[in-house]
């Protein structure tokens, strides 16, 4: 939920009419006081699953689209050598750097579009994570995104992120997200620069196919914290994509 320390309605409106990069630069100082920050409950569930799957620490970790760095502590606990945060927004990176300047192992931050990661990051990481950012990429952009992550990982490295089950058509959440996506499509049709942010463009079947095409082997683990749907399938899974 928004708090009194969060952005005003006017500030949110200005952000929504900006580009993705400029919008997050504007929102950065108050981002952690909005519901857009990844909840600690999700971070804890993913870390618990990773700890069971990878009982020992790995070498280097990459937080893709790190924002203000909510997932950086997860990586510093799972990695023994170094951690890197990458984000498009300089404002978000500044907040992350200020919050984690004393982290161990050391953390460095790089401003970059996730679709075109710098060549210097190639074959550098054992574990890449990402939280809450995939709505900023259109389906046609996923191959470039996943190819960049594949290049950044060392052979055998893992790309891990949570992915939710489809919402029931009869649920209020389905209609809320559908309404939001429709509003964003209308906004982007009539206003420039575009602000790409959609909730229903990252389904598991399509994501699995694109990861496989990029050279990953894919498996999923349930995140029990979030329970199961009526058909017994988990509401949330941790997707683990292994670089072959």
C-alpha atoms as a PDB file:
ATOM      1  CA  UNK A   1       0.000   0.000   0.000  1.00  0.00           C
ATOM      2  CA  UNK A   2       1.008   3.629  -0.430  1.00  0.00           C
ATOM      3  CA  UNK A   3       2.091   5.394   2.750  1.00  0.00           C
ATOM      4  CA  UNK A   4       2.280   9.045   3.733  1.00  0.00           C
ATOM      5  CA  UNK A   5       5.939   8.936   2.689  1.00  0.00           C
ATOM      6  CA  UNK A   6       5.029   7.693  -0.779  1.00  0.00           C
ATOM      7  CA  UNK A   7       4.418   9.699  -3.949  1.00  0.00           C
ATOM      8  CA  UNK A   8       1.462  12.029  -4.322  1.00  0.00           C
ATOM      9  CA  UNK A   9      -1.210  11.506  -6.965  1.00  0.00           C
ATOM     10  CA  UNK A  10       0.316  14.333  -8.972  1.00  0.00           C
ATOM     11  CA  UNK A  11       3.780  12.743  -8.792  1.00  0.00           C
ATOM     12  CA  UNK A  12       2.378   9.412  -9.958  1.00  0.00           C
ATOM     13  CA  UNK A  13       0.596  11.127 -12.843  1.00  0.00           C
ATOM     14  CA  UNK A  14       3.818  12.843 -13.963  1.00  0.00           C
ATOM     15  CA  UNK A  15       5.658   9.531 -13.742  1.00  0.00           C
ATOM     16  CA  UNK A  16       2.984   7.722 -15.754  1.00  0.00           C
ATOM     17  CA  UNK A  17       3.280  10.291 -18.551  1.00  0.00           C
ATOM     18  CA  UNK A  18       7.075   9.939 -18.722  1.00  0.00           C
ATOM     19  CA  UNK A  19       9.302   7.337 -20.325  1.00  0.00           C
ATOM     20  CA  UNK A  20      10.154   4.236 -18.290  1.00  0.00           C
ATOM     21  CA  UNK A  21      13.637   5.561 -17.475  1.00  0.00           C
ATOM     22  CA  UNK A  22      12.513   9.092 -16.601  1.00  0.00           C
ATOM     23  CA  UNK A  23       9.484   7.821 -14.706  1.00  0.00           C
ATOM     24  CA  UNK A  24      11.590   5.687 -12.405  1.00  0.00           C
ATOM     25  CA  UNK A  25      14.149   8.460 -11.957  1.00  0.00           C
ATOM     26  CA  UNK A  26      11.307  10.618 -10.632  1.00  0.00           C
ATOM     27  CA  UNK A  27       9.836   7.867  -8.461  1.00  0.00           C
ATOM     28  CA  UNK A  28      13.143   6.589  -7.053  1.00  0.00           C
ATOM     29  CA  UNK A  29      13.331   8.605  -3.785  1.00  0.00           C
ATOM     30  CA  UNK A  30       9.882   7.344  -2.737  1.00  0.00           C
ATOM     31  CA  UNK A  31       9.780   3.986  -4.509  1.00  0.00           C
ATOM     32  CA  UNK A  32      10.273   1.879  -1.381  1.00  0.00           C
ATOM     33  CA  UNK A  33       7.127   3.464   0.087  1.00  0.00           C
ATOM     34  CA  UNK A  34       4.925   2.196  -2.746  1.00  0.00           C
ATOM     35  CA  UNK A  35       3.321  -1.210  -3.423  1.00  0.00           C
ATOM     36  CA  UNK A  36       5.575  -1.525  -6.483  1.00  0.00           C
ATOM     37  CA  UNK A  37       8.535  -2.636  -4.352  1.00  0.00           C
ATOM     38  CA  UNK A  38       8.858  -6.439  -4.247  1.00  0.00           C
ATOM     39  CA  UNK A  39       7.338  -7.581  -0.932  1.00  0.00           C
ATOM     40  CA  UNK A  40       9.667  -9.088   1.649  1.00  0.00           C
ATOM     41  CA  UNK A  41       7.357 -12.100   1.729  1.00  0.00           C
ATOM     42  CA  UNK A  42       8.216 -12.863  -1.896  1.00  0.00           C
ATOM     43  CA  UNK A  43      11.929 -12.261  -1.390  1.00  0.00           C
ATOM     44  CA  UNK A  44      11.963 -14.562   1.642  1.00  0.00           C
ATOM     45  CA  UNK A  45      10.073 -17.316  -0.204  1.00  0.00           C
ATOM     46  CA  UNK A  46      12.486 -17.209  -3.141  1.00  0.00           C
ATOM     47  CA  UNK A  47      15.525 -17.192  -0.882  1.00  0.00           C
ATOM     48  CA  UNK A  48      14.215 -20.189   1.049  1.00  0.00           C
ATOM     49  CA  UNK A  49      13.662 -22.116  -2.181  1.00  0.00           C
ATOM     50  CA  UNK A  50      17.120 -21.188  -3.474  1.00  0.00           C
ATOM     51  CA  UNK A  51      18.725 -22.240  -0.197  1.00  0.00           C
ATOM     52  CA  UNK A  52      17.171 -25.691  -0.531  1.00  0.00           C
ATOM     53  CA  UNK A  53      18.053 -25.964  -4.211  1.00  0.00           C
ATOM     54  CA  UNK A  54      21.569 -24.513  -3.860  1.00  0.00           C
ATOM     55  CA  UNK A  55      22.583 -25.381  -0.297  1.00  0.00           C
ATOM     56  CA  UNK A  56      26.030 -23.821  -0.650  1.00  0.00           C
ATOM     57  CA  UNK A  57      27.013 -20.303  -1.732  1.00  0.00           C
ATOM     58  CA  UNK A  58      27.810 -19.512  -5.360  1.00  0.00           C
ATOM     59  CA  UNK A  59      30.461 -17.177  -6.728  1.00  0.00           C
ATOM     60  CA  UNK A  60      28.938 -14.046  -8.272  1.00  0.00           C
ATOM     61  CA  UNK A  61      25.342 -12.842  -8.462  1.00  0.00           C
ATOM     62  CA  UNK A  62      23.486 -10.451 -10.769  1.00  0.00           C
ATOM     63  CA  UNK A  63      20.257  -8.621  -9.924  1.00  0.00           C
ATOM     64  CA  UNK A  64      18.644  -7.784 -13.262  1.00  0.00           C
ATOM     65  CA  UNK A  65      16.472  -4.643 -13.156  1.00  0.00           C
ATOM     66  CA  UNK A  66      17.480  -4.228  -9.523  1.00  0.00           C
ATOM     67  CA  UNK A  67      15.576  -1.009  -8.844  1.00  0.00           C
ATOM     68  CA  UNK A  68      16.367   0.291  -5.357  1.00  0.00           C
ATOM     69  CA  UNK A  69      18.014  -3.017  -4.472  1.00  0.00           C
ATOM     70  CA  UNK A  70      15.350  -4.964  -2.577  1.00  0.00           C
ATOM     71  CA  UNK A  71      16.891  -8.279  -3.689  1.00  0.00           C
ATOM     72  CA  UNK A  72      20.519  -7.307  -3.057  1.00  0.00           C
ATOM     73  CA  UNK A  73      20.569  -8.766   0.503  1.00  0.00           C
ATOM     74  CA  UNK A  74      19.290 -12.079  -0.896  1.00  0.00           C
ATOM     75  CA  UNK A  75      22.241 -12.183  -3.285  1.00  0.00           C
ATOM     76  CA  UNK A  76      24.854 -11.089  -0.745  1.00  0.00           C
ATOM     77  CA  UNK A  77      23.749 -13.981   1.451  1.00  0.00           C
ATOM     78  CA  UNK A  78      23.872 -16.470  -1.461  1.00  0.00           C
ATOM     79  CA  UNK A  79      27.088 -15.270  -3.161  1.00  0.00           C
ATOM     80  CA  UNK A  80      30.619 -15.323  -1.773  1.00  0.00           C
ATOM     81  CA  UNK A  81      32.557 -13.179  -4.288  1.00  0.00           C
ATOM     82  CA  UNK A  82      30.604 -10.212  -5.603  1.00  0.00           C
ATOM     83  CA  UNK A  83      27.154  -8.938  -6.546  1.00  0.00           C
ATOM     84  CA  UNK A  84      26.093  -6.620  -9.374  1.00  0.00           C
ATOM     85  CA  UNK A  85      22.861  -4.686  -9.757  1.00  0.00           C
ATOM     86  CA  UNK A  86      21.784  -3.561 -13.223  1.00  0.00           C
ATOM     87  CA  UNK A  87      18.981  -1.103 -13.929  1.00  0.00           C
ATOM     88  CA  UNK A  88      17.941   1.386 -16.606  1.00  0.00           C
ATOM     89  CA  UNK A  89      17.230   4.178 -14.115  1.00  0.00           C
ATOM     90  CA  UNK A  90      20.106   6.181 -12.667  1.00  0.00           C
ATOM     91  CA  UNK A  91      17.800   7.428  -9.918  1.00  0.00           C
ATOM     92  CA  UNK A  92      16.932   3.908  -8.791  1.00  0.00           C
ATOM     93  CA  UNK A  93      20.598   2.894  -8.898  1.00  0.00           C
ATOM     94  CA  UNK A  94      21.550   5.868  -6.727  1.00  0.00           C
ATOM     95  CA  UNK A  95      19.056   4.749  -4.084  1.00  0.00           C
ATOM     96  CA  UNK A  96      20.340   1.169  -4.264  1.00  0.00           C
ATOM     97  CA  UNK A  97      23.996   2.237  -4.001  1.00  0.00           C
ATOM     98  CA  UNK A  98      23.283   4.395  -0.953  1.00  0.00           C
ATOM     99  CA  UNK A  99      21.428   1.568   0.773  1.00  0.00           C
ATOM    100  CA  UNK A 100      24.043  -1.122   0.127  1.00  0.00           C
ATOM    101  CA  UNK A 101      27.397   0.665   0.116  1.00  0.00           C
ATOM    102  CA  UNK A 102      28.626  -1.403   3.079  1.00  0.00           C
ATOM    103  CA  UNK A 103      27.420  -4.787   1.813  1.00  0.00           C
ATOM    104  CA  UNK A 104      29.575  -7.905   1.977  1.00  0.00           C
ATOM    105  CA  UNK A 105      30.534  -9.213  -0.526  1.00  0.00           C
ATOM    106  CA  UNK A 106      30.912  -5.881  -2.344  1.00  0.00           C
ATOM    107  CA  UNK A 107      28.132  -4.706  -4.641  1.00  0.00           C
ATOM    108  CA  UNK A 108      28.597  -2.688  -7.813  1.00  0.00           C
ATOM    109  CA  UNK A 109      25.829  -1.058  -9.823  1.00  0.00           C
ATOM    110  CA  UNK A 110      25.672  -0.599 -13.596  1.00  0.00           C
ATOM    111  CA  UNK A 111      23.233   1.505 -15.591  1.00  0.00           C
ATOM    112  CA  UNK A 112      22.134  -0.492 -18.614  1.00  0.00           C
ATOM    113  CA  UNK A 113      19.130  -1.571 -20.612  1.00  0.00           C
ATOM    114  CA  UNK A 114      18.511  -5.212 -19.673  1.00  0.00           C
ATOM    115  CA  UNK A 115      17.982  -6.050 -23.358  1.00  0.00           C
ATOM    116  CA  UNK A 116      21.522  -4.934 -24.233  1.00  0.00           C
ATOM    117  CA  UNK A 117      23.750  -5.870 -21.316  1.00  0.00           C
ATOM    118  CA  UNK A 118      27.374  -4.693 -21.641  1.00  0.00           C
ATOM    119  CA  UNK A 119      29.752  -7.249 -23.180  1.00  0.00           C
ATOM    120  CA  UNK A 120      31.973  -6.881 -20.087  1.00  0.00           C
ATOM    121  CA  UNK A 121      29.379  -8.840 -18.097  1.00  0.00           C
ATOM    122  CA  UNK A 122      29.624 -11.914 -20.341  1.00  0.00           C
ATOM    123  CA  UNK A 123      30.238 -15.243 -18.565  1.00  0.00           C
ATOM    124  CA  UNK A 124      30.637 -13.444 -15.235  1.00  0.00           C
ATOM    125  CA  UNK A 125      27.820 -14.731 -13.011  1.00  0.00           C
ATOM    126  CA  UNK A 126      26.693 -17.955 -11.383  1.00  0.00           C
ATOM    127  CA  UNK A 127      23.235 -16.740 -10.339  1.00  0.00           C
ATOM    128  CA  UNK A 128      20.973 -14.096 -11.849  1.00  0.00           C
ATOM    129  CA  UNK A 129      17.688 -13.055 -10.243  1.00  0.00           C
ATOM    130  CA  UNK A 130      14.986 -10.603 -11.224  1.00  0.00           C
ATOM    131  CA  UNK A 131      11.844  -9.426  -9.455  1.00  0.00           C
ATOM    132  CA  UNK A 132       8.850  -7.468 -10.660  1.00  0.00           C
ATOM    133  CA  UNK A 133      10.391  -6.136 -13.869  1.00  0.00           C
ATOM    134  CA  UNK A 134       9.151  -8.348 -16.695  1.00  0.00           C
ATOM    135  CA  UNK A 135       6.020  -6.309 -17.326  1.00  0.00           C
ATOM    136  CA  UNK A 136       8.338  -3.671 -18.801  1.00  0.00           C
ATOM    137  CA  UNK A 137       9.238  -5.952 -21.717  1.00  0.00           C
ATOM    138  CA  UNK A 138       6.931  -6.756 -24.589  1.00  0.00           C
ATOM    139  CA  UNK A 139       6.715 -10.441 -25.627  1.00  0.00           C
ATOM    140  CA  UNK A 140       8.736  -9.723 -28.770  1.00  0.00           C
ATOM    141  CA  UNK A 141      11.567  -8.392 -26.577  1.00  0.00           C
ATOM    142  CA  UNK A 142      11.913 -11.517 -24.439  1.00  0.00           C
ATOM    143  CA  UNK A 143      14.354 -13.322 -26.802  1.00  0.00           C
ATOM    144  CA  UNK A 144      16.862 -10.435 -26.599  1.00  0.00           C
ATOM    145  CA  UNK A 145      16.382 -10.176 -22.842  1.00  0.00           C
ATOM    146  CA  UNK A 146      16.950 -13.893 -22.257  1.00  0.00           C
ATOM    147  CA  UNK A 147      19.871 -14.058 -24.688  1.00  0.00           C
ATOM    148  CA  UNK A 148      21.607 -11.315 -22.711  1.00  0.00           C
ATOM    149  CA  UNK A 149      21.107 -13.175 -19.434  1.00  0.00           C
ATOM    150  CA  UNK A 150      22.415 -16.352 -21.061  1.00  0.00           C
ATOM    151  CA  UNK A 151      25.592 -14.529 -22.109  1.00  0.00           C
ATOM    152  CA  UNK A 152      26.071 -13.046 -18.630  1.00  0.00           C
ATOM    153  CA  UNK A 153      25.912 -16.439 -16.912  1.00  0.00           C
ATOM    154  CA  UNK A 154      28.773 -18.871 -16.687  1.00  0.00           C
ATOM    155  CA  UNK A 155      28.112 -22.386 -18.041  1.00  0.00           C
ATOM    156  CA  UNK A 156      25.856 -24.107 -15.534  1.00  0.00           C
ATOM    157  CA  UNK A 157      24.702 -20.773 -14.098  1.00  0.00           C
ATOM    158  CA  UNK A 158      21.087 -20.222 -13.075  1.00  0.00           C
ATOM    159  CA  UNK A 159      18.556 -17.524 -13.917  1.00  0.00           C
ATOM    160  CA  UNK A 160      15.897 -17.537 -11.174  1.00  0.00           C
ATOM    161  CA  UNK A 161      12.695 -15.547 -10.808  1.00  0.00           C
ATOM    162  CA  UNK A 162       9.167 -16.013  -9.428  1.00  0.00           C
ATOM    163  CA  UNK A 163       6.281 -16.428 -11.820  1.00  0.00           C
ATOM    164  CA  UNK A 164       2.605 -16.461 -10.921  1.00  0.00           C
ATOM    165  CA  UNK A 165      -0.151 -18.776 -12.097  1.00  0.00           C
ATOM    166  CA  UNK A 166      -2.825 -17.337 -14.403  1.00  0.00           C
ATOM    167  CA  UNK A 167      -5.512 -15.469 -12.514  1.00  0.00           C
ATOM    168  CA  UNK A 168      -9.048 -16.924 -12.673  1.00  0.00           C
ATOM    169  CA  UNK A 169     -11.282 -15.061 -15.105  1.00  0.00           C
ATOM    170  CA  UNK A 170     -13.860 -14.686 -12.357  1.00  0.00           C
ATOM    171  CA  UNK A 171     -11.485 -13.036  -9.876  1.00  0.00           C
ATOM    172  CA  UNK A 172     -11.361  -9.327  -9.106  1.00  0.00           C
ATOM    173  CA  UNK A 173      -7.591  -9.433  -9.643  1.00  0.00           C
ATOM    174  CA  UNK A 174      -8.040 -10.617 -13.250  1.00  0.00           C
ATOM    175  CA  UNK A 175     -10.362  -7.732 -14.055  1.00  0.00           C
ATOM    176  CA  UNK A 176      -8.108  -5.246 -12.251  1.00  0.00           C
ATOM    177  CA  UNK A 177      -5.005  -6.304 -14.190  1.00  0.00           C
ATOM    178  CA  UNK A 178      -6.927  -6.508 -17.456  1.00  0.00           C
ATOM    179  CA  UNK A 179      -8.231  -2.988 -16.881  1.00  0.00           C
ATOM    180  CA  UNK A 180      -4.748  -1.700 -16.081  1.00  0.00           C
ATOM    181  CA  UNK A 181      -3.251  -3.291 -19.206  1.00  0.00           C
ATOM    182  CA  UNK A 182      -6.022  -1.838 -21.358  1.00  0.00           C
ATOM    183  CA  UNK A 183      -5.476   1.625 -19.888  1.00  0.00           C
ATOM    184  CA  UNK A 184      -1.738   1.369 -20.556  1.00  0.00           C
ATOM    185  CA  UNK A 185      -2.334   0.318 -24.173  1.00  0.00           C
ATOM    186  CA  UNK A 186      -4.601   3.324 -24.693  1.00  0.00           C
ATOM    187  CA  UNK A 187      -2.069   5.618 -22.989  1.00  0.00           C
ATOM    188  CA  UNK A 188       0.744   4.332 -25.220  1.00  0.00           C
ATOM    189  CA  UNK A 189      -1.393   4.693 -28.341  1.00  0.00           C
ATOM    190  CA  UNK A 190      -2.056   8.387 -27.730  1.00  0.00           C
ATOM    191  CA  UNK A 191       0.956   9.613 -25.755  1.00  0.00           C
ATOM    192  CA  UNK A 192       4.692   9.711 -26.294  1.00  0.00           C
ATOM    193  CA  UNK A 193       7.094   8.655 -24.947  1.00  0.00           C
ATOM    194  CA  UNK A 194       5.615   5.216 -24.232  1.00  0.00           C
ATOM    195  CA  UNK A 195       5.627   3.704 -20.752  1.00  0.00           C
ATOM    196  CA  UNK A 196       5.685  -0.058 -21.132  1.00  0.00           C
ATOM    197  CA  UNK A 197       4.195  -1.809 -18.100  1.00  0.00           C
ATOM    198  CA  UNK A 198       1.762  -4.689 -18.459  1.00  0.00           C
ATOM    199  CA  UNK A 199       0.668  -7.379 -16.035  1.00  0.00           C
ATOM    200  CA  UNK A 200      -0.491 -10.119 -18.404  1.00  0.00           C
ATOM    201  CA  UNK A 201       2.296 -10.412 -20.984  1.00  0.00           C
ATOM    202  CA  UNK A 202       4.537 -12.949 -19.213  1.00  0.00           C
ATOM    203  CA  UNK A 203       2.752 -16.343 -19.215  1.00  0.00           C
ATOM    204  CA  UNK A 204       4.717 -19.426 -18.208  1.00  0.00           C
ATOM    205  CA  UNK A 205       4.299 -21.391 -21.508  1.00  0.00           C
ATOM    206  CA  UNK A 206       5.616 -18.538 -23.653  1.00  0.00           C
ATOM    207  CA  UNK A 207       8.386 -17.708 -21.209  1.00  0.00           C
ATOM    208  CA  UNK A 208       9.486 -21.350 -21.045  1.00  0.00           C
ATOM    209  CA  UNK A 209       9.587 -21.569 -24.843  1.00  0.00           C
ATOM    210  CA  UNK A 210      11.656 -18.384 -25.180  1.00  0.00           C
ATOM    211  CA  UNK A 211      14.091 -19.484 -22.451  1.00  0.00           C
ATOM    212  CA  UNK A 212      14.546 -22.856 -24.137  1.00  0.00           C
ATOM    213  CA  UNK A 213      15.188 -21.154 -27.471  1.00  0.00           C
ATOM    214  CA  UNK A 214      17.820 -18.972 -25.764  1.00  0.00           C
ATOM    215  CA  UNK A 215      19.735 -22.049 -24.618  1.00  0.00           C
ATOM    216  CA  UNK A 216      18.333 -22.680 -21.148  1.00  0.00           C
ATOM    217  CA  UNK A 217      16.995 -25.812 -19.525  1.00  0.00           C
ATOM    218  CA  UNK A 218      13.940 -24.872 -17.476  1.00  0.00           C
ATOM    219  CA  UNK A 219      12.372 -26.272 -14.339  1.00  0.00           C
ATOM    220  CA  UNK A 220      10.086 -24.821 -11.687  1.00  0.00           C
ATOM    221  CA  UNK A 221       9.666 -25.217  -7.940  1.00  0.00           C
ATOM    222  CA  UNK A 222       6.501 -24.343  -6.010  1.00  0.00           C
ATOM    223  CA  UNK A 223       6.659 -21.485  -3.526  1.00  0.00           C
ATOM    224  CA  UNK A 224       4.541 -22.974  -0.699  1.00  0.00           C
ATOM    225  CA  UNK A 225       4.213 -19.643   1.118  1.00  0.00           C
ATOM    226  CA  UNK A 226       1.574 -18.564  -1.374  1.00  0.00           C
ATOM    227  CA  UNK A 227      -0.542 -21.725  -1.308  1.00  0.00           C
ATOM    228  CA  UNK A 228      -2.312 -23.486  -4.150  1.00  0.00           C
ATOM    229  CA  UNK A 229      -5.216 -22.873  -6.490  1.00  0.00           C
ATOM    230  CA  UNK A 230      -8.406 -24.947  -6.444  1.00  0.00           C
ATOM    231  CA  UNK A 231      -6.929 -27.337  -9.021  1.00  0.00           C
ATOM    232  CA  UNK A 232      -3.919 -28.030  -6.771  1.00  0.00           C
ATOM    233  CA  UNK A 233      -1.353 -26.081  -8.800  1.00  0.00           C
ATOM    234  CA  UNK A 234       0.823 -23.554  -6.948  1.00  0.00           C
ATOM    235  CA  UNK A 235      -0.134 -19.899  -7.065  1.00  0.00           C
ATOM    236  CA  UNK A 236       3.526 -18.967  -7.425  1.00  0.00           C
ATOM    237  CA  UNK A 237       6.539 -20.900  -8.674  1.00  0.00           C
ATOM    238  CA  UNK A 238      10.248 -20.236  -8.743  1.00  0.00           C
ATOM    239  CA  UNK A 239      11.443 -20.665 -12.303  1.00  0.00           C
ATOM    240  CA  UNK A 240      15.016 -21.940 -12.603  1.00  0.00           C
ATOM    241  CA  UNK A 241      16.629 -21.598 -16.026  1.00  0.00           C
ATOM    242  CA  UNK A 242      20.002 -23.330 -16.317  1.00  0.00           C
ATOM    243  CA  UNK A 243      22.534 -22.203 -18.893  1.00  0.00           C
ATOM    244  CA  UNK A 244      23.538 -25.323 -20.785  1.00  0.00           C
END
